[in-house]
Structure formats: structure tokens, C-alpha cells
Amino acid sequence: MLANRNHYWISPVLYLALCLAISGCQSIWQNEPDFGSSVTSSVQNQLVNPQAPLGNPKPTTGLDGPSAKATVDSYQRSFRTGTSPAGAVPGQTGVGQ
């Protein structure tokens, strides 16, 4: 019977410890009325001309199908062949030479 009594006080102690631990993580945060305006203004300042698409009389439409395919195939082949430019030694950057 004594062993059963010891475990009744563990539950309130653990509950109290858990409440204290959780209350330590709580924070009160109230945002400002202009929260996020600095990011928005920075993004707007980085735009050179936000109305650029409207004033372009001849927009670029891209390549025709065969030319685009040839370009992509050539790009992908450049990774498979593993050729380096003339005079280049793999593993050297040329710094300090």
C-alpha cells in the first residue's frame, strides 16, 4: 500500500513542472501597424520599371521548336562529355600561379 501512495504525488509535480516549462516558452508579441512595410518598400525599390511589359511593342516570343530542342540537347551534352577548355587542368583554379 505504501508503494501506491508514492505515485500519487508524482502526477501533480509533473503537471506543475510541465506548466512552468510551457509558460517559459510563451511570449507576448504585438505587431506594429506598419509591420512588413520595410520589406514591401525594399521590393518595390528594387524594381527598375514596374510598367515595363506595357511599353514593349515587340515582346520576345522565344525560339522555334527545333532550335530550342537543339539548344537544350547541346546544353545537356556539355555535362556528359566532360571535356575541359584547352590548357585547363582539373582541380586547379589558377589562383597563386
C-alpha atoms as a PDB file:
ATOM      1  CA  MET A   1       0.000   0.000   0.000  1.00  0.00           C
ATOM      2  CA  LEU A   2       2.924   2.332   0.691  1.00  0.00           C
ATOM      3  CA  ALA A   3       4.220   1.901  -2.876  1.00  0.00           C
ATOM      4  CA  ASN A   4       0.859   3.007  -4.313  1.00  0.00           C
ATOM      5  CA  ARG A   5       0.815   6.185  -2.201  1.00  0.00           C
ATOM      6  CA  ASN A   6       4.176   7.373  -3.566  1.00  0.00           C
ATOM      7  CA  HIS A   7       2.972   7.588  -7.121  1.00  0.00           C
ATOM      8  CA  TYR A   8       0.008   9.911  -6.361  1.00  0.00           C
ATOM      9  CA  TRP A   9       2.215  12.923  -5.709  1.00  0.00           C
ATOM     10  CA  ILE A  10       4.232  12.390  -8.907  1.00  0.00           C
ATOM     11  CA  SER A  11       1.351  13.349 -11.162  1.00  0.00           C
ATOM     12  CA  PRO A  12       0.761  16.850  -9.663  1.00  0.00           C
ATOM     13  CA  VAL A  13       4.513  17.509  -9.559  1.00  0.00           C
ATOM     14  CA  LEU A  14       4.924  16.571 -13.218  1.00  0.00           C
ATOM     15  CA  TYR A  15       1.880  18.657 -14.122  1.00  0.00           C
ATOM     16  CA  LEU A  16       3.324  21.668 -12.280  1.00  0.00           C
ATOM     17  CA  ALA A  17       6.726  21.203 -13.951  1.00  0.00           C
ATOM     18  CA  LEU A  18       5.104  20.952 -17.360  1.00  0.00           C
ATOM     19  CA  CYS A  19       3.068  24.113 -16.769  1.00  0.00           C
ATOM     20  CA  LEU A  20       6.180  26.009 -15.701  1.00  0.00           C
ATOM     21  CA  ALA A  21       8.113  24.796 -18.723  1.00  0.00           C
ATOM     22  CA  ILE A  22       5.367  25.776 -21.152  1.00  0.00           C
ATOM     23  CA  SER A  23       4.851  29.181 -19.554  1.00  0.00           C
ATOM     24  CA  GLY A  24       8.539  29.921 -20.030  1.00  0.00           C
ATOM     25  CA  CYS A  25       8.123  29.469 -23.788  1.00  0.00           C
ATOM     26  CA  GLN A  26       5.141  31.783 -24.086  1.00  0.00           C
ATOM     27  CA  SER A  27       5.795  35.219 -25.469  1.00  0.00           C
ATOM     28  CA  ILE A  28       3.514  38.157 -25.983  1.00  0.00           C
ATOM     29  CA  TRP A  29       4.033  39.799 -29.338  1.00  0.00           C
ATOM     30  CA  GLN A  30       2.031  42.644 -30.741  1.00  0.00           C
ATOM     31  CA  ASN A  31       2.920  43.736 -34.211  1.00  0.00           C
ATOM     32  CA  GLU A  32       3.158  47.319 -35.325  1.00  0.00           C
ATOM     33  CA  PRO A  33       0.536  48.795 -37.657  1.00  0.00           C
ATOM     34  CA  ASP A  34       3.166  49.123 -40.393  1.00  0.00           C
ATOM     35  CA  PHE A  35       4.577  45.606 -39.928  1.00  0.00           C
ATOM     36  CA  GLY A  36       6.136  44.382 -43.181  1.00  0.00           C
ATOM     37  CA  SER A  37       6.225  47.766 -44.856  1.00  0.00           C
ATOM     38  CA  SER A  38      10.043  47.821 -44.908  1.00  0.00           C
ATOM     39  CA  VAL A  39      10.157  44.562 -46.885  1.00  0.00           C
ATOM     40  CA  THR A  40       7.448  45.759 -49.249  1.00  0.00           C
ATOM     41  CA  SER A  41       9.223  49.055 -49.865  1.00  0.00           C
ATOM     42  CA  SER A  42      12.550  47.276 -50.429  1.00  0.00           C
ATOM     43  CA  VAL A  43      10.999  45.013 -53.051  1.00  0.00           C
ATOM     44  CA  GLN A  44       9.366  47.979 -54.761  1.00  0.00           C
ATOM     45  CA  ASN A  45      12.665  49.904 -54.739  1.00  0.00           C
ATOM     46  CA  GLN A  46      14.416  47.024 -56.486  1.00  0.00           C
ATOM     47  CA  LEU A  47      12.060  47.148 -59.445  1.00  0.00           C
ATOM     48  CA  VAL A  48      13.583  49.243 -62.198  1.00  0.00           C
ATOM     49  CA  ASN A  49      10.409  49.739 -64.175  1.00  0.00           C
ATOM     50  CA  PRO A  50       7.263  48.012 -62.906  1.00  0.00           C
ATOM     51  CA  GLN A  51       5.369  49.034 -66.061  1.00  0.00           C
ATOM     52  CA  ALA A  52       7.991  47.581 -68.444  1.00  0.00           C
ATOM     53  CA  PRO A  53       5.806  44.929 -70.091  1.00  0.00           C
ATOM     54  CA  LEU A  54       3.180  47.501 -71.062  1.00  0.00           C
ATOM     55  CA  GLY A  55       5.539  49.705 -73.072  1.00  0.00           C
ATOM     56  CA  ASN A  56       7.245  46.950 -75.114  1.00  0.00           C
ATOM     57  CA  PRO A  57       5.860  46.995 -78.683  1.00  0.00           C
ATOM     58  CA  LYS A  58       7.785  43.853 -79.759  1.00  0.00           C
ATOM     59  CA  PRO A  59       7.970  41.319 -76.941  1.00  0.00           C
ATOM     60  CA  THR A  60      10.323  38.383 -77.341  1.00  0.00           C
ATOM     61  CA  THR A  61       8.366  35.266 -78.144  1.00  0.00           C
ATOM     62  CA  GLY A  62      11.231  32.766 -77.927  1.00  0.00           C
ATOM     63  CA  LEU A  63      12.766  30.161 -80.208  1.00  0.00           C
ATOM     64  CA  ASP A  64      11.013  27.849 -82.582  1.00  0.00           C
ATOM     65  CA  GLY A  65      10.745  24.200 -81.522  1.00  0.00           C
ATOM     66  CA  PRO A  66      13.723  22.654 -83.350  1.00  0.00           C
ATOM     67  CA  SER A  67      16.104  25.451 -82.339  1.00  0.00           C
ATOM     68  CA  ALA A  68      15.040  25.225 -78.693  1.00  0.00           C
ATOM     69  CA  LYS A  69      15.459  21.429 -78.680  1.00  0.00           C
ATOM     70  CA  ALA A  70      18.922  21.692 -80.250  1.00  0.00           C
ATOM     71  CA  THR A  71      19.952  24.255 -77.628  1.00  0.00           C
ATOM     72  CA  VAL A  72      18.743  22.127 -74.710  1.00  0.00           C
ATOM     73  CA  ASP A  73      20.345  18.977 -76.155  1.00  0.00           C
ATOM     74  CA  SER A  74      23.657  20.779 -76.611  1.00  0.00           C
ATOM     75  CA  TYR A  75      23.488  22.071 -73.040  1.00  0.00           C
ATOM     76  CA  GLN A  76      22.814  18.606 -71.638  1.00  0.00           C
ATOM     77  CA  ARG A  77      25.593  17.024 -73.748  1.00  0.00           C
ATOM     78  CA  SER A  78      28.080  19.515 -72.344  1.00  0.00           C
ATOM     79  CA  PHE A  79      27.776  17.815 -68.949  1.00  0.00           C
ATOM     80  CA  ARG A  80      28.186  14.273 -70.304  1.00  0.00           C
ATOM     81  CA  THR A  81      31.350  14.700 -72.366  1.00  0.00           C
ATOM     82  CA  GLY A  82      33.438  16.078 -69.506  1.00  0.00           C
ATOM     83  CA  THR A  83      35.776  17.987 -71.798  1.00  0.00           C
ATOM     84  CA  SER A  84      37.552  20.959 -70.316  1.00  0.00           C
ATOM     85  CA  PRO A  85      38.832  24.036 -72.137  1.00  0.00           C
ATOM     86  CA  ALA A  86      42.288  23.796 -73.728  1.00  0.00           C
ATOM     87  CA  GLY A  87      45.066  24.176 -71.188  1.00  0.00           C
ATOM     88  CA  ALA A  88      42.821  23.700 -68.156  1.00  0.00           C
ATOM     89  CA  VAL A  89      43.979  21.255 -65.506  1.00  0.00           C
ATOM     90  CA  PRO A  90      41.213  19.672 -63.433  1.00  0.00           C
ATOM     91  CA  GLY A  91      41.442  20.634 -59.766  1.00  0.00           C
ATOM     92  CA  GLN A  92      43.397  23.861 -60.267  1.00  0.00           C
ATOM     93  CA  THR A  93      41.792  27.271 -60.062  1.00  0.00           C
ATOM     94  CA  GLY A  94      44.705  29.295 -61.371  1.00  0.00           C
ATOM     95  CA  VAL A  95      44.966  31.346 -58.191  1.00  0.00           C
ATOM     96  CA  GLY A  96      48.519  31.891 -56.968  1.00  0.00           C
ATOM     97  CA  GLN A  97      50.217  30.729 -60.144  1.00  0.00           C
END
